Amino acid sequence: MRNLFIKTTLMALAFSAAFSLSAKEQTNSGNHNGGLMKQMMNEQYQIKSINDPVAQQRLNQIDLGDTNHQSNH
């Protein structure tokens, strides 16, 4: 019974150390802009300025509907 307790404690410490190390590596990586997923999305979807006045007018006519993200539940 005592061996089981020691093994369980060591396993918990090992998982805790691994999780702590992983979190620290993620914090130290990049430029703190929200993580790898945000960085990948920013690289894939580059923001482009639209300088054409006709295209700008068409964009201004788009109705996105309700952009309020709060739920009414």
N, C-alpha and C. Protein backbone atom coordinates (compact mmCIF):
# COMPACT_ATOMS: atom_id res chain seq x y z
N MET A 1 0.83 -1.19 0.00
CA MET A 1 0.00 0.00 0.00
C MET A 1 0.87 1.26 0.00
N ARG A 2 1.96 1.21 0.75
CA ARG A 2 2.85 2.36 0.83
C ARG A 2 3.56 2.57 -0.51
N ASN A 3 3.94 1.48 -1.18
CA ASN A 3 4.59 1.59 -2.49
C ASN A 3 3.65 2.24 -3.51
N LEU A 4 2.38 1.89 -3.44
CA LEU A 4 1.40 2.47 -4.35
C LEU A 4 1.30 3.99 -4.12
N PHE A 5 1.30 4.39 -2.86
CA PHE A 5 1.24 5.81 -2.54
C PHE A 5 2.47 6.54 -3.05
N ILE A 6 3.63 5.96 -2.88
CA ILE A 6 4.88 6.58 -3.35
C ILE A 6 4.89 6.67 -4.87
N LYS A 7 4.49 5.60 -5.55
CA LYS A 7 4.44 5.60 -7.01
C LYS A 7 3.45 6.65 -7.53
N THR A 8 2.29 6.72 -6.88
CA THR A 8 1.28 7.69 -7.29
C THR A 8 1.79 9.11 -7.09
N THR A 9 2.44 9.35 -5.98
CA THR A 9 2.99 10.67 -5.70
C THR A 9 4.07 11.05 -6.71
N LEU A 10 4.95 10.10 -7.02
CA LEU A 10 6.00 10.36 -8.01
C LEU A 10 5.42 10.63 -9.40
N MET A 11 4.39 9.88 -9.76
CA MET A 11 3.73 10.10 -11.06
C MET A 11 3.10 11.49 -11.11
N ALA A 12 2.45 11.87 -10.01
CA ALA A 12 1.81 13.20 -9.97
C ALA A 12 2.87 14.29 -10.07
N LEU A 13 3.98 14.13 -9.40
CA LEU A 13 5.06 15.11 -9.48
C LEU A 13 5.65 15.18 -10.89
N ALA A 14 5.80 14.03 -11.52
CA ALA A 14 6.34 13.99 -12.88
C ALA A 14 5.41 14.72 -13.86
N PHE A 15 4.10 14.45 -13.76
CA PHE A 15 3.13 15.12 -14.62
C PHE A 15 3.12 16.62 -14.35
N SER A 16 3.19 16.99 -13.10
CA SER A 16 3.19 18.40 -12.74
C SER A 16 4.42 19.11 -13.30
N ALA A 17 5.58 18.47 -13.19
CA ALA A 17 6.81 19.06 -13.71
C ALA A 17 6.76 19.18 -15.23
N ALA A 18 6.24 18.15 -15.90
CA ALA A 18 6.14 18.18 -17.36
C ALA A 18 5.18 19.27 -17.81
N PHE A 19 4.06 19.40 -17.13
CA PHE A 19 3.09 20.43 -17.48
C PHE A 19 3.67 21.82 -17.24
N SER A 20 4.36 21.98 -16.14
CA SER A 20 4.97 23.27 -15.81
C SER A 20 6.02 23.64 -16.85
N LEU A 21 6.84 22.68 -17.26
CA LEU A 21 7.87 22.93 -18.26
C LEU A 21 7.25 23.28 -19.60
N SER A 22 6.19 22.58 -19.96
CA SER A 22 5.51 22.84 -21.23
C SER A 22 4.92 24.25 -21.23
N ALA A 23 4.30 24.64 -20.14
CA ALA A 23 3.71 25.97 -20.05
C ALA A 23 4.78 27.04 -20.11
N LYS A 24 5.91 26.79 -19.46
CA LYS A 24 6.99 27.77 -19.47
C LYS A 24 7.58 27.92 -20.87
N GLU A 25 7.75 26.81 -21.60
CA GLU A 25 8.27 26.87 -22.96
C GLU A 25 7.32 27.65 -23.87
N GLN A 26 6.02 27.44 -23.69
CA GLN A 26 5.06 28.14 -24.53
C GLN A 26 5.06 29.63 -24.21
N THR A 27 5.25 29.98 -22.95
CA THR A 27 5.29 31.39 -22.56
C THR A 27 6.53 32.06 -23.13
N ASN A 28 7.64 31.34 -23.16
CA ASN A 28 8.90 31.93 -23.62
C ASN A 28 9.04 31.95 -25.14
N SER A 29 8.18 31.24 -25.84
CA SER A 29 8.30 31.16 -27.29
C SER A 29 7.54 32.30 -27.95
N GLY A 30 8.00 32.71 -29.09
CA GLY A 30 7.30 33.72 -29.86
C GLY A 30 7.37 35.09 -29.24
N ASN A 31 6.48 35.93 -29.70
CA ASN A 31 6.46 37.29 -29.21
C ASN A 31 5.21 37.58 -28.38
N HIS A 32 4.67 36.58 -27.73
CA HIS A 32 3.53 36.69 -26.82
C HIS A 32 2.32 37.29 -27.52
N ASN A 33 2.03 36.83 -28.71
CA ASN A 33 0.92 37.39 -29.48
C ASN A 33 -0.30 36.47 -29.49
N GLY A 34 -0.38 35.53 -28.57
CA GLY A 34 -1.54 34.67 -28.54
C GLY A 34 -1.23 33.23 -28.92
N GLY A 35 0.01 32.91 -29.19
CA GLY A 35 0.37 31.53 -29.43
C GLY A 35 0.55 31.19 -30.89
N LEU A 36 0.84 29.94 -31.09
CA LEU A 36 1.16 29.43 -32.42
C LEU A 36 -0.03 29.52 -33.37
N MET A 37 -1.23 29.19 -32.87
CA MET A 37 -2.40 29.21 -33.75
C MET A 37 -2.64 30.62 -34.29
N LYS A 38 -2.54 31.62 -33.44
CA LYS A 38 -2.74 33.00 -33.91
C LYS A 38 -1.66 33.38 -34.90
N GLN A 39 -0.44 32.97 -34.63
CA GLN A 39 0.66 33.28 -35.55
C GLN A 39 0.42 32.63 -36.91
N MET A 40 -0.02 31.38 -36.91
CA MET A 40 -0.29 30.69 -38.17
C MET A 40 -1.44 31.35 -38.93
N MET A 41 -2.49 31.75 -38.22
CA MET A 41 -3.62 32.39 -38.87
C MET A 41 -3.21 33.74 -39.47
N ASN A 42 -2.37 34.48 -38.73
CA ASN A 42 -1.90 35.77 -39.24
C ASN A 42 -1.06 35.59 -40.50
N GLU A 43 -0.29 34.52 -40.57
CA GLU A 43 0.53 34.27 -41.75
C GLU A 43 -0.33 33.83 -42.93
N GLN A 44 -1.38 33.05 -42.63
CA GLN A 44 -2.22 32.54 -43.71
C GLN A 44 -3.15 33.62 -44.26
N TYR A 45 -3.70 34.44 -43.39
CA TYR A 45 -4.66 35.45 -43.81
C TYR A 45 -4.06 36.83 -43.60
N GLN A 46 -3.24 37.24 -44.53
CA GLN A 46 -2.62 38.55 -44.46
C GLN A 46 -3.68 39.64 -44.66
N ILE A 47 -3.61 40.67 -43.83
CA ILE A 47 -4.53 41.79 -43.96
C ILE A 47 -4.10 42.63 -45.15
N LYS A 48 -5.05 42.91 -46.02
CA LYS A 48 -4.76 43.69 -47.21
C LYS A 48 -5.65 44.93 -47.21
N SER A 49 -5.06 46.07 -47.51
CA SER A 49 -5.82 47.31 -47.60
C SER A 49 -6.53 47.36 -48.95
N ILE A 50 -7.75 47.86 -48.93
CA ILE A 50 -8.50 48.02 -50.17
C ILE A 50 -8.54 49.51 -50.48
N ASN A 51 -7.87 49.89 -51.55
CA ASN A 51 -7.75 51.30 -51.93
C ASN A 51 -8.73 51.69 -53.02
N ASP A 52 -9.36 50.74 -53.66
CA ASP A 52 -10.30 51.02 -54.73
C ASP A 52 -11.60 51.58 -54.13
N PRO A 53 -11.99 52.80 -54.47
CA PRO A 53 -13.19 53.40 -53.87
C PRO A 53 -14.47 52.64 -54.17
N VAL A 54 -14.57 52.05 -55.34
CA VAL A 54 -15.78 51.28 -55.70
C VAL A 54 -15.87 50.03 -54.83
N ALA A 55 -14.75 49.34 -54.68
CA ALA A 55 -14.73 48.14 -53.83
C ALA A 55 -14.99 48.52 -52.37
N GLN A 56 -14.44 49.62 -51.93
CA GLN A 56 -14.65 50.09 -50.57
C GLN A 56 -16.14 50.37 -50.31
N GLN A 57 -16.81 50.97 -51.31
CA GLN A 57 -18.23 51.26 -51.18
C GLN A 57 -19.04 49.97 -51.09
N ARG A 58 -18.69 48.97 -51.91
CA ARG A 58 -19.38 47.67 -51.86
C ARG A 58 -19.19 47.02 -50.50
N LEU A 59 -17.99 47.11 -49.95
CA LEU A 59 -17.73 46.53 -48.64
C LEU A 59 -18.55 47.22 -47.56
N ASN A 60 -18.71 48.52 -47.66
CA ASN A 60 -19.49 49.26 -46.68
C ASN A 60 -20.97 48.91 -46.72
N GLN A 61 -21.43 48.35 -47.83
CA GLN A 61 -22.84 47.99 -47.96
C GLN A 61 -23.15 46.61 -47.39
N ILE A 62 -22.14 45.85 -47.04
CA ILE A 62 -22.34 44.50 -46.51
C ILE A 62 -22.91 44.58 -45.11
N ASP A 63 -24.00 43.86 -44.89
CA ASP A 63 -24.61 43.80 -43.57
C ASP A 63 -24.21 42.48 -42.93
N LEU A 64 -23.44 42.57 -41.86
CA LEU A 64 -22.98 41.36 -41.18
C LEU A 64 -24.01 40.82 -40.20
N GLY A 65 -25.12 41.49 -40.07
CA GLY A 65 -26.15 41.03 -39.15
C GLY A 65 -25.75 41.35 -37.73
N ASP A 66 -26.21 40.54 -36.82
CA ASP A 66 -25.94 40.76 -35.40
C ASP A 66 -24.51 40.34 -35.09
N THR A 67 -23.67 41.29 -34.76
CA THR A 67 -22.29 40.98 -34.42
C THR A 67 -22.08 40.91 -32.92
N ASN A 68 -23.16 40.95 -32.16
CA ASN A 68 -23.09 40.82 -30.70
C ASN A 68 -22.91 39.36 -30.36
N HIS A 69 -21.83 39.01 -29.70
CA HIS A 69 -21.51 37.61 -29.43
C HIS A 69 -22.11 37.12 -28.13
N GLN A 70 -22.89 37.93 -27.43
CA GLN A 70 -23.48 37.49 -26.18
C GLN A 70 -24.68 36.61 -26.48
N SER A 71 -24.81 35.57 -25.70
CA SER A 71 -25.90 34.63 -25.90
C SER A 71 -27.15 35.12 -25.16
N ASN A 72 -28.31 34.84 -25.73
CA ASN A 72 -29.57 35.22 -25.09
C ASN A 72 -30.18 34.08 -24.29
N HIS A 73 -29.41 33.05 -24.03
CA HIS A 73 -29.93 31.88 -23.32
C HIS A 73 -30.11 32.19 -21.87
